[in-house]
Amino acid sequence: MLVNPMNAQTMIRFVQFRFVQFRFVQCSVLLAMIAIALPCQHHLSAQDAVNTGRFWTTKSGIRSKVLLVLIDQTDDAVKLRRQDNGQVVTMKREQLSDADLRYLDTITAKSEQMSAAEVARPDSSLTTDWPQWRGANRDGISPETGLLKQWPSGGPERVWTVSGIGEGYSTPTVVGDRVYVLGTEGDSEQLIALEQSTGERVRSMRLGSVAGGGGYRGPRSSPTVDGNQIFALGSDGTLACFSRADGELVWQKNLKTDFNGQEGDWSYAESPLVDGEKVICTPGGDRATMVALNRNTGAMIWSGSAAELPGNYSTAGYASAIKASLAGQPQYLTFLNGGVVGFSAKDGKPLWHYDSAANVTANCSTPVTQGDFVFAASGYGTGGGKARISRRGTIWAVEEAYFVTKMQNHHGGFVLVDGHLYGTNDSVLLCINWETGDIAWQDRCVGKGSIAYADGHLYVRGENGEVALVVASPDGYQEVGRFDQPDRSDKNAWPHPVIAAGKLYLHDWDRIFCYSIR
């Protein structure tokens, strides 16, 4: 039988086209397939879960419609279990968003590496922790569901109040049956552990001396809990690692004396970032603007200097670092005095800098990223901007997509939810379209404040002590609850709201309040 060569070539091109078309469709509908639960041969029990359930997002921004639990990961892929029916799917890591990749970096042990006792912990302890600054992913977002959709008059039920925390503006962290916060006792700063269910003090660990930068005494940072270790940074630059089991000091450094650090006028306010075996923090200064330390010993792994960047990048800002993969390279981002800088996660080399969002007084809010884009903002008449980070070979480029002058976010932070940014300036709550920078709406809400997100709602805490529950939607401002925190101190309510284990935690100077929101 004779075959026409032209017909054979046409057939080959047709087969190639159909294969490419199939791969494109397969990638585009991957999360849709997860949502409708395609049959899967793997059915795992709850004991196979190694971490929290969350809504996962592809690099192109498609978000899963159900909670998915990470049950295993390799260098190339992750295996996820639906919380609603237990079925299992696999996703390639290259398809995941930067937020999900950062989340994976916080999971340091796979299921086969965990002891039977650890794996058998109740799901509540796995799905409700707020283990570090701005939650598990440092993005202000909690994966919790089943929370109150509307608060009763007067606000949610108060479970307990504890006093005796001392001075400072530390935002608490919550892991398992413990609440951790920084406070003071006399002239020393303390890492304080409380019983999660009652607020009863379990122990206190001395951290350093009270610093009074800018007339605001006390610590500003959040403790970071990872495994059996707690990492904390005092306002005087004391960085310490404690045993979570017994509170014993494992190691201690001082950012000023050990690294010749250069702090800002309001002392150190950063919360340490733990990434695998590294602890990342920002002493500032020409010698070691950012450092990576061994989590078990405190020994130096690398130091990165921003001294050669134009402008004053060597002075530490007041923001906490995040990890992101931009232009295909893992890096640590922090907001220094001169602007946002990306340091190589491998060796600490500064890769790029973004200046527009910086002011010369205080840069405090943690940036957010999605894909190869970063958004940063500050107060003092500045605003916030989104920039695309790219590279060609060893040359990095920063291209600003837009700038929103009205997003003058002082230190209350912002959250990125379903394609929109939410955060306050000095007077109103803003909703901004992530793609265009257009303001979808604004409302007085509780005025200037801090923000967190969970289960379709924004938790907005005004610095005046008011707390509001707001539907997270670009369609318009919809408030579904508000209350005034009782027993207010005479200080600004600057610590951020924390959502964990169906509870809302608020720190106000000497007191911590716990509310039931489920």
Protein backbone atom coordinates (compact mmCIF):
# COMPACT_ATOMS: atom_id res chain seq x y z
CA MET A 1 0.00 0.00 0.00
CA LEU A 2 1.38 3.42 -0.98
CA VAL A 3 1.22 6.32 1.46
CA ASN A 4 1.18 9.92 0.23
CA PRO A 5 4.19 11.68 1.97
CA MET A 6 2.23 14.90 2.26
CA ASN A 7 -0.63 13.07 3.99
CA ALA A 8 1.83 11.40 6.40
CA GLN A 9 3.38 14.75 7.35
CA THR A 10 -0.06 16.23 7.80
CA MET A 11 -1.01 13.35 10.05
CA ILE A 12 2.14 13.82 12.16
CA ARG A 13 1.46 17.53 12.59
CA PHE A 14 -2.14 16.75 13.50
CA VAL A 15 -1.07 14.25 16.18
CA GLN A 16 1.49 16.72 17.56
CA PHE A 17 -1.12 19.48 17.66
CA ARG A 18 -3.64 17.25 19.44
CA PHE A 19 -1.00 16.27 22.03
CA VAL A 20 -0.08 19.90 22.75
CA GLN A 21 -3.77 20.81 22.88
CA PHE A 22 -4.38 17.99 25.33
CA ARG A 23 -1.51 19.10 27.60
CA PHE A 24 -2.81 22.69 27.59
CA VAL A 25 -6.33 21.65 28.49
CA GLN A 26 -5.01 19.27 31.13
CA CYS A 27 -3.05 22.06 32.85
CA SER A 28 -5.87 24.59 32.57
CA VAL A 29 -8.50 22.42 34.18
CA LEU A 30 -6.33 20.70 36.79
CA LEU A 31 -7.90 22.41 39.76
CA ALA A 32 -11.34 22.10 38.24
CA MET A 33 -10.74 18.36 38.12
CA ILE A 34 -9.84 18.46 41.79
CA ALA A 35 -13.03 20.32 42.59
CA ILE A 36 -15.27 17.71 40.93
CA ALA A 37 -13.38 14.79 42.48
CA LEU A 38 -12.19 12.59 39.67
CA PRO A 39 -11.82 8.97 40.79
CA CYS A 40 -8.52 8.20 42.50
CA GLN A 41 -7.10 4.88 43.65
CA HIS A 42 -5.49 6.26 46.81
CA HIS A 43 -7.75 6.62 49.86
CA LEU A 44 -5.84 7.72 52.96
CA SER A 45 -6.93 8.02 56.55
CA ALA A 46 -6.70 11.20 58.60
CA GLN A 47 -3.49 9.92 60.13
CA ASP A 48 -1.75 10.25 56.76
CA ALA A 49 -2.08 14.04 56.84
CA VAL A 50 1.11 15.88 57.77
CA ASN A 51 -0.13 19.46 57.83
CA THR A 52 -3.03 21.86 57.48
CA GLY A 53 -5.78 21.87 54.90
CA ARG A 54 -5.78 24.92 52.62
CA PHE A 55 -7.07 26.27 49.33
CA TRP A 56 -4.31 25.68 46.77
CA THR A 57 -3.72 27.96 43.79
CA THR A 58 -2.01 27.44 40.45
CA LYS A 59 0.67 29.80 39.19
CA SER A 60 -1.90 31.27 36.82
CA GLY A 61 -4.19 32.14 39.73
CA ILE A 62 -6.80 29.33 39.58
CA ARG A 63 -7.88 28.54 43.16
CA SER A 64 -9.22 25.18 44.36
CA LYS A 65 -12.84 25.19 45.49
CA VAL A 66 -12.29 22.73 48.34
CA LEU A 67 -9.74 22.40 51.15
CA LEU A 68 -6.83 20.14 50.21
CA VAL A 69 -4.44 18.52 52.70
CA LEU A 70 -0.79 17.90 51.84
CA ILE A 71 0.00 14.25 52.49
CA ASP A 72 3.32 13.88 50.66
CA GLN A 73 5.78 15.84 48.57
CA THR A 74 8.82 15.19 46.40
CA ASP A 75 11.19 17.53 44.62
CA ASP A 76 8.83 17.59 41.63
CA ALA A 77 5.28 17.08 42.87
CA VAL A 78 2.87 17.19 45.79
CA LYS A 79 0.13 14.75 46.72
CA LEU A 80 -3.04 16.36 48.08
CA ARG A 81 -6.10 14.86 49.79
CA ARG A 82 -9.55 16.48 49.59
CA GLN A 83 -10.92 17.20 53.06
CA ASP A 84 -14.51 16.60 51.97
CA ASN A 85 -14.19 13.07 50.56
CA GLY A 86 -10.63 11.84 51.18
CA GLN A 87 -9.75 11.41 47.51
CA VAL A 88 -6.17 12.12 46.42
CA VAL A 89 -4.68 14.08 43.52
CA THR A 90 -1.14 14.93 42.45
CA MET A 91 0.14 18.33 41.27
CA LYS A 92 3.52 19.28 39.88
CA ARG A 93 5.36 21.88 41.96
CA GLU A 94 5.98 24.00 38.87
CA GLN A 95 2.21 24.52 38.57
CA LEU A 96 1.83 25.92 42.09
CA SER A 97 1.62 29.57 43.12
CA ASP A 98 4.46 31.22 45.03
CA ALA A 99 2.30 31.29 48.17
CA ASP A 100 1.87 27.51 47.99
CA LEU A 101 5.59 27.00 47.36
CA ARG A 102 6.38 29.08 50.45
CA TYR A 103 3.91 26.98 52.39
CA LEU A 104 5.67 23.79 51.27
CA ASP A 105 8.94 25.22 52.51
CA THR A 106 7.45 25.38 56.02
CA ILE A 107 6.68 21.65 55.96
CA THR A 108 10.07 20.18 56.82
CA ALA A 109 9.04 16.57 57.34
CA LYS A 110 7.14 14.25 55.04
CA SER A 111 4.65 11.74 56.40
CA GLU A 112 7.12 8.84 56.27
CA GLN A 113 9.59 10.86 58.36
CA MET A 114 7.15 11.62 61.15
CA SER A 115 6.73 9.45 64.20
CA ALA A 116 3.45 7.64 64.69
CA ALA A 117 2.67 9.90 67.64
CA GLU A 118 3.12 13.07 65.58
CA VAL A 119 1.02 11.78 62.70
CA ALA A 120 -1.76 10.70 65.05
CA ARG A 121 -2.30 14.21 66.44
CA PRO A 122 -5.92 15.36 66.13
CA ASP A 123 -6.80 17.20 62.95
CA SER A 124 -7.57 20.35 64.98
CA SER A 125 -3.94 20.72 65.98
CA LEU A 126 -2.89 20.27 62.36
CA THR A 127 -5.31 22.64 60.71
CA THR A 128 -5.57 25.62 63.03
CA ASP A 129 -2.08 26.80 63.96
CA TRP A 130 -0.84 30.36 63.48
CA PRO A 131 2.85 29.55 64.03
CA GLN A 132 4.56 32.77 62.99
CA TRP A 133 4.09 36.37 61.93
CA ARG A 134 0.95 36.67 59.74
CA GLY A 135 0.23 32.94 59.91
CA ALA A 136 1.66 29.80 58.35
CA ASN A 137 2.48 31.49 55.02
CA ARG A 138 3.22 35.00 56.30
CA ASP A 139 0.35 36.31 54.19
CA GLY A 140 -2.26 37.09 56.88
CA ILE A 141 -4.52 34.27 55.67
CA SER A 142 -5.93 31.45 57.82
CA PRO A 143 -7.20 28.23 56.17
CA GLU A 144 -9.89 27.76 58.81
CA THR A 145 -13.50 27.20 57.82
CA GLY A 146 -16.77 26.88 59.72
CA LEU A 147 -16.33 30.27 61.39
CA LEU A 148 -19.13 32.64 62.30
CA LYS A 149 -20.53 34.44 59.26
CA GLN A 150 -21.98 37.18 61.42
CA TRP A 151 -21.24 38.32 64.93
CA PRO A 152 -23.92 38.87 67.55
CA SER A 153 -24.51 42.34 68.93
CA GLY A 154 -21.54 43.17 71.12
CA GLY A 155 -19.23 40.81 69.25
CA PRO A 156 -18.29 37.14 69.63
CA GLU A 157 -18.14 35.40 73.00
CA ARG A 158 -15.06 36.22 75.06
CA VAL A 159 -13.44 33.00 76.30
CA TRP A 160 -10.76 34.48 78.53
CA THR A 161 -8.65 37.52 79.28
CA VAL A 162 -5.20 37.40 80.80
CA SER A 163 -3.12 40.26 82.17
CA GLY A 164 0.50 40.56 83.24
CA ILE A 165 2.03 40.48 79.74
CA GLY A 166 3.81 43.77 80.37
CA GLU A 167 4.77 46.27 77.71
CA GLY A 168 5.04 46.03 73.95
CA TYR A 169 3.24 45.43 70.67
CA SER A 170 3.98 41.78 69.94
CA THR A 171 1.44 39.90 67.81
CA PRO A 172 0.88 36.43 69.35
CA THR A 173 1.42 33.08 67.66
CA VAL A 174 -0.58 29.94 68.39
CA VAL A 175 0.58 26.34 68.01
CA GLY A 176 -1.30 23.38 69.45
CA ASP A 177 -2.22 24.04 73.06
CA ARG A 178 0.06 27.05 73.49
CA VAL A 179 -0.12 30.78 72.81
CA TYR A 180 3.24 32.55 72.54
CA VAL A 181 3.80 36.28 72.87
CA LEU A 182 6.60 38.68 73.77
CA GLY A 183 6.19 40.91 76.80
CA THR A 184 8.23 42.46 79.59
CA GLU A 185 9.05 42.01 83.26
CA GLY A 186 10.86 44.95 84.78
CA ASP A 187 13.65 45.95 82.41
CA SER A 188 13.84 42.62 80.61
CA GLU A 189 11.84 41.30 77.67
CA GLN A 190 10.23 37.90 77.94
CA LEU A 191 8.97 35.13 75.70
CA ILE A 192 5.73 34.08 77.40
CA ALA A 193 3.90 30.77 76.86
CA LEU A 194 0.20 30.57 77.77
CA GLU A 195 -2.25 27.69 77.92
CA GLN A 196 -4.41 28.02 74.80
CA SER A 197 -7.68 26.98 76.42
CA THR A 198 -7.46 29.12 79.58
CA GLY A 199 -4.76 31.77 79.08
CA GLU A 200 -2.94 30.47 82.16
CA ARG A 201 0.79 31.19 82.06
CA VAL A 202 2.92 28.10 81.49
CA ARG A 203 6.38 29.68 81.58
CA SER A 204 8.41 32.79 80.78
CA MET A 205 11.81 32.88 79.10
CA ARG A 206 14.11 35.90 79.32
CA LEU A 207 14.92 37.33 75.90
CA GLY A 208 16.88 40.56 76.37
CA SER A 209 16.64 44.10 77.67
CA VAL A 210 13.72 46.43 77.04
CA ALA A 211 14.45 48.90 74.26
CA GLY A 212 12.59 52.18 74.01
CA GLY A 213 13.18 53.22 70.42
CA GLY A 214 11.14 56.26 69.46
CA GLY A 215 9.45 56.37 72.86
CA TYR A 216 7.60 53.05 72.35
CA ARG A 217 8.89 50.59 74.91
CA GLY A 218 8.83 46.85 74.61
CA PRO A 219 9.04 44.13 71.98
CA ARG A 220 7.30 44.41 68.62
CA SER A 221 7.97 40.97 67.07
CA SER A 222 6.08 37.69 66.88
CA PRO A 223 7.72 34.46 68.09
CA THR A 224 8.23 31.85 65.37
CA VAL A 225 7.42 28.24 66.29
CA ASP A 226 8.84 25.46 64.15
CA GLY A 227 8.97 21.86 65.37
CA ASN A 228 10.36 21.75 68.91
CA GLN A 229 12.00 25.16 68.65
CA ILE A 230 10.82 28.73 69.26
CA PHE A 231 12.71 31.65 67.74
CA ALA A 232 12.24 35.18 69.03
CA LEU A 233 13.78 38.61 68.44
CA GLY A 234 13.73 41.28 71.13
CA SER A 235 13.63 44.98 70.43
CA ASP A 236 17.25 45.33 71.56
CA GLY A 237 18.40 42.89 68.86
CA THR A 238 18.59 39.76 71.01
CA LEU A 239 17.81 36.76 68.81
CA ALA A 240 17.26 33.51 70.72
CA CYS A 241 16.24 29.92 70.13
CA PHE A 242 14.37 28.12 72.91
CA SER A 243 13.26 24.52 73.37
CA ARG A 244 9.51 24.34 73.01
CA ALA A 245 9.37 21.34 75.34
CA ASP A 246 10.93 22.90 78.43
CA GLY A 247 11.75 26.52 77.58
CA GLU A 248 15.51 26.01 77.86
CA LEU A 249 17.74 28.40 75.91
CA VAL A 250 19.37 26.61 72.95
CA TRP A 251 21.43 29.51 71.58
CA GLN A 252 21.45 33.29 71.51
CA LYS A 253 22.88 36.07 69.32
CA ASN A 254 22.60 39.83 69.25
CA LEU A 255 22.07 41.49 65.88
CA LYS A 256 24.01 44.60 66.90
CA THR A 257 27.00 43.13 68.67
CA ASP A 258 27.44 39.89 66.71
CA PHE A 259 26.72 41.24 63.22
CA ASN A 260 27.38 44.97 63.59
CA GLY A 261 23.71 45.53 62.86
CA GLN A 262 22.19 48.91 62.11
CA GLU A 263 18.65 49.27 63.43
CA GLY A 264 16.13 52.02 62.76
CA ASP A 265 15.01 54.69 65.22
CA TRP A 266 12.21 52.48 66.60
CA SER A 267 14.42 49.49 67.45
CA TYR A 268 14.13 46.02 65.95
CA ALA A 269 10.60 44.85 65.04
CA GLU A 270 11.24 41.92 62.69
CA SER A 271 9.88 38.41 63.30
CA PRO A 272 12.41 35.65 62.43
CA LEU A 273 11.76 33.52 59.35
CA VAL A 274 12.55 29.80 59.53
CA ASP A 275 13.25 28.06 56.22
CA GLY A 276 14.37 24.46 56.59
CA GLU A 277 17.64 24.51 58.50
CA LYS A 278 18.01 28.28 58.21
CA VAL A 279 16.83 31.15 60.38
CA ILE A 280 16.58 34.37 58.37
CA CYS A 281 16.74 37.82 59.96
CA THR A 282 17.86 41.33 59.09
CA PRO A 283 20.48 42.94 61.36
CA GLY A 284 21.01 45.80 58.90
CA GLY A 285 24.39 47.40 58.39
CA ASP A 286 26.95 47.18 55.61
CA ARG A 287 28.51 43.89 56.70
CA ALA A 288 25.47 41.68 57.22
CA THR A 289 22.28 43.39 56.09
CA MET A 290 20.56 39.97 56.07
CA VAL A 291 21.88 36.76 57.62
CA ALA A 292 21.04 33.07 57.46
CA LEU A 293 21.88 31.16 60.64
CA ASN A 294 21.84 27.47 61.46
CA ARG A 295 18.61 26.87 63.35
CA ASN A 296 20.21 24.40 65.76
CA THR A 297 23.41 26.26 66.63
CA GLY A 298 23.04 29.87 65.54
CA ALA A 299 26.18 29.53 63.41
CA MET A 300 26.43 31.72 60.32
CA ILE A 301 25.49 30.05 57.02
CA TRP A 302 25.77 33.20 54.93
CA SER A 303 25.45 36.96 55.16
CA GLY A 304 24.19 39.30 52.49
CA SER A 305 25.20 42.94 52.22
CA ALA A 306 23.12 45.67 50.61
CA ALA A 307 25.90 48.23 50.97
CA GLU A 308 26.52 48.48 47.23
CA LEU A 309 22.91 49.25 46.37
CA PRO A 310 22.13 52.91 45.64
CA GLY A 311 20.50 54.73 48.54
CA ASN A 312 20.33 53.79 52.20
CA TYR A 313 19.57 50.10 52.07
CA SER A 314 21.85 49.11 54.91
CA THR A 315 19.55 50.30 57.70
CA ALA A 316 17.07 47.63 58.77
CA GLY A 317 13.42 48.45 58.26
CA TYR A 318 10.63 47.19 60.51
CA ALA A 319 9.11 44.57 58.18
CA SER A 320 9.57 40.81 58.39
CA ALA A 321 11.10 38.78 55.56
CA ILE A 322 9.19 36.36 53.33
CA LYS A 323 10.38 33.66 50.95
CA ALA A 324 9.32 33.72 47.30
CA SER A 325 10.39 32.27 43.97
CA LEU A 326 10.67 35.14 41.50
CA ALA A 327 11.85 34.68 37.92
CA GLY A 328 12.52 31.06 38.83
CA GLN A 329 14.91 31.76 41.72
CA PRO A 330 14.17 31.20 45.43
CA GLN A 331 14.88 34.33 47.44
CA TYR A 332 14.12 36.19 50.65
CA LEU A 333 12.36 39.53 50.38
CA THR A 334 12.55 42.20 53.03
CA PHE A 335 11.58 45.87 53.21
CA LEU A 336 14.68 47.85 54.20
CA ASN A 337 15.04 51.56 54.80
CA GLY A 338 15.69 52.15 51.09
CA GLY A 339 13.07 49.78 49.68
CA VAL A 340 12.30 46.13 49.03
CA VAL A 341 15.30 43.89 48.31
CA GLY A 342 15.40 40.29 47.10
CA PHE A 343 18.33 38.29 48.51
CA SER A 344 19.34 34.95 46.99
CA ALA A 345 18.19 32.10 49.22
CA LYS A 346 21.33 30.20 48.26
CA ASP A 347 24.06 32.65 49.25
CA GLY A 348 22.47 35.95 50.36
CA LYS A 349 23.50 37.92 47.29
CA PRO A 350 21.19 40.93 46.70
CA LEU A 351 19.46 40.40 43.35
CA TRP A 352 17.19 43.42 42.82
CA HIS A 353 15.56 46.31 44.64
CA TYR A 354 12.25 48.17 44.35
CA ASP A 355 12.24 51.70 45.71
CA SER A 356 8.92 53.39 44.92
CA ALA A 357 7.03 52.03 47.93
CA ALA A 358 9.64 53.17 50.47
CA ASN A 359 9.61 56.31 52.59
CA VAL A 360 12.49 57.79 54.57
CA THR A 361 10.81 57.40 57.97
CA ALA A 362 9.63 53.81 58.54
CA ASN A 363 8.91 50.88 56.20
CA CYS A 364 6.91 48.36 58.20
CA SER A 365 4.42 46.27 56.21
CA THR A 366 5.34 42.85 54.87
CA PRO A 367 5.25 42.65 51.04
CA VAL A 368 3.05 40.10 49.24
CA THR A 369 3.86 38.22 46.04
CA GLN A 370 2.03 36.33 43.31
CA GLY A 371 3.76 34.86 40.31
CA ASP A 372 6.69 37.14 39.49
CA PHE A 373 5.00 40.20 40.98
CA VAL A 374 5.57 41.86 44.34
CA PHE A 375 3.41 44.47 46.06
CA ALA A 376 4.77 46.69 48.81
CA ALA A 377 3.40 49.77 50.56
CA SER A 378 4.24 52.22 53.31
CA GLY A 379 2.75 55.23 55.07
CA TYR A 380 3.96 58.79 55.57
CA GLY A 381 2.37 60.03 52.36
CA THR A 382 3.87 57.33 50.13
CA GLY A 383 1.48 54.54 49.02
CA GLY A 384 1.95 51.14 47.46
CA GLY A 385 3.08 49.67 44.15
CA LYS A 386 3.16 46.40 42.26
CA ALA A 387 6.27 45.49 40.29
CA ARG A 388 7.24 42.63 37.99
CA ILE A 389 10.59 41.01 38.75
CA SER A 390 12.40 39.43 35.82
CA ARG A 391 15.89 38.50 34.73
CA ARG A 392 17.90 37.76 31.62
CA GLY A 393 20.90 35.66 32.56
CA THR A 394 22.43 37.38 35.58
CA ILE A 395 20.74 40.74 34.91
CA TRP A 396 17.67 41.46 37.01
CA ALA A 397 14.96 43.94 36.08
CA VAL A 398 12.14 45.59 38.05
CA GLU A 399 9.19 46.97 36.09
CA GLU A 400 6.46 48.80 37.99
CA ALA A 401 2.96 47.73 36.90
CA TYR A 402 1.10 50.43 38.83
CA PHE A 403 1.26 52.59 41.93
CA VAL A 404 -1.66 53.34 44.28
CA THR A 405 -0.91 56.51 46.23
CA LYS A 406 -3.96 56.00 48.40
CA MET A 407 -2.65 52.68 49.78
CA GLN A 408 -0.55 54.41 52.45
CA ASN A 409 -0.33 51.33 54.66
CA HIS A 410 1.63 52.16 57.82
CA HIS A 411 2.11 48.81 59.55
CA GLY A 412 -1.29 47.08 59.48
CA GLY A 413 -0.45 44.94 56.46
CA PHE A 414 -2.67 43.77 53.62
CA VAL A 415 -4.03 40.46 52.33
CA LEU A 416 -4.39 39.19 48.77
CA VAL A 417 -7.63 37.24 48.35
CA ASP A 418 -9.13 36.07 45.05
CA GLY A 419 -7.47 38.72 42.94
CA HIS A 420 -7.96 41.68 45.29
CA LEU A 421 -5.82 43.39 47.92
CA TYR A 422 -7.41 44.52 51.18
CA GLY A 423 -5.76 46.85 53.69
CA THR A 424 -6.10 50.20 55.41
CA ASN A 425 -4.45 53.54 55.02
CA ASP A 426 -4.58 56.17 57.75
CA SER A 427 -8.37 56.47 57.55
CA VAL A 428 -10.16 53.87 55.37
CA LEU A 429 -10.23 50.21 54.37
CA LEU A 430 -9.42 49.74 50.67
CA CYS A 431 -10.18 46.98 48.17
CA ILE A 432 -7.78 47.09 45.19
CA ASN A 433 -7.86 45.02 42.01
CA TRP A 434 -4.58 43.08 41.92
CA GLU A 435 -4.34 43.09 38.13
CA THR A 436 -5.07 46.75 37.44
CA GLY A 437 -4.50 48.66 40.67
CA ASP A 438 -7.99 50.15 40.46
CA ILE A 439 -9.75 50.82 43.76
CA ALA A 440 -12.91 48.68 43.81
CA TRP A 441 -14.24 50.34 46.97
CA GLN A 442 -13.23 52.07 50.17
CA ASP A 443 -14.97 52.48 53.51
CA ARG A 444 -14.26 54.10 56.84
CA CYS A 445 -14.66 50.73 58.61
CA VAL A 446 -12.60 51.04 61.85
CA GLY A 447 -10.14 53.53 60.42
CA LYS A 448 -6.41 52.86 60.40
CA GLY A 449 -5.72 49.30 61.50
CA SER A 450 -4.41 45.80 60.84
CA ILE A 451 -6.00 42.93 58.95
CA ALA A 452 -6.29 39.15 58.68
CA TYR A 453 -8.46 36.86 56.54
CA ALA A 454 -10.32 33.60 57.20
CA ASP A 455 -13.32 31.78 55.74
CA GLY A 456 -14.47 34.50 53.35
CA HIS A 457 -14.11 37.37 55.81
CA LEU A 458 -11.70 40.13 56.76
CA TYR A 459 -10.88 40.67 60.43
CA VAL A 460 -9.99 44.35 60.73
CA ARG A 461 -8.64 45.73 64.00
CA GLY A 462 -8.53 49.49 64.34
CA GLU A 463 -5.73 51.05 66.31
CA ASN A 464 -8.48 52.61 68.43
CA GLY A 465 -9.55 49.14 69.63
CA GLU A 466 -12.61 48.54 67.43
CA VAL A 467 -12.77 45.21 65.57
CA ALA A 468 -14.89 44.61 62.45
CA LEU A 469 -15.87 41.52 60.48
CA VAL A 470 -16.17 42.35 56.77
CA VAL A 471 -17.12 40.15 53.82
CA ALA A 472 -14.10 39.80 51.51
CA SER A 473 -15.69 40.76 48.20
CA PRO A 474 -14.88 43.33 45.52
CA ASP A 475 -18.61 43.95 45.05
CA GLY A 476 -18.80 46.43 47.90
CA TYR A 477 -18.25 46.97 51.60
CA GLN A 478 -20.40 44.63 53.71
CA GLU A 479 -19.85 44.68 57.46
CA VAL A 480 -21.34 41.75 59.38
CA GLY A 481 -20.03 42.38 62.87
CA ARG A 482 -18.28 44.91 65.08
CA PHE A 483 -17.32 45.29 68.71
CA ASP A 484 -15.21 47.48 70.95
CA GLN A 485 -12.50 45.63 72.79
CA PRO A 486 -13.12 46.05 76.53
CA ASP A 487 -10.53 47.10 79.12
CA ARG A 488 -8.60 49.15 76.58
CA SER A 489 -5.16 50.36 77.50
CA ASP A 490 -4.08 53.90 76.70
CA LYS A 491 -1.80 52.56 73.92
CA ASN A 492 -2.52 52.08 70.23
CA ALA A 493 -3.91 48.62 69.41
CA TRP A 494 -1.13 47.85 66.93
CA PRO A 495 -0.69 44.06 67.32
CA HIS A 496 -2.44 42.26 64.46
CA PRO A 497 -5.49 40.00 64.95
CA VAL A 498 -4.68 36.28 65.11
CA ILE A 499 -7.05 33.48 64.05
CA ALA A 500 -6.38 29.95 65.32
CA ALA A 501 -8.38 26.94 66.57
CA GLY A 502 -11.69 28.72 66.08
CA LYS A 503 -10.52 31.61 68.25
CA LEU A 504 -9.64 35.26 67.69
CA TYR A 505 -6.71 36.60 69.75
CA LEU A 506 -6.06 40.28 70.44
CA HIS A 507 -3.05 41.65 72.32
CA ASP A 508 -3.40 45.05 73.96
CA TRP A 509 -0.32 46.06 75.95
CA ASP A 510 -0.56 44.18 79.27
CA ARG A 511 -3.53 41.99 78.25
CA ILE A 512 -4.46 39.28 75.75
CA PHE A 513 -8.10 38.60 74.85
CA CYS A 514 -9.42 35.33 73.41
CA TYR A 515 -12.79 35.17 71.58
CA SER A 516 -14.70 32.20 70.19
CA ILE A 517 -15.48 32.74 66.48
CA ARG A 518 -16.82 29.29 65.60
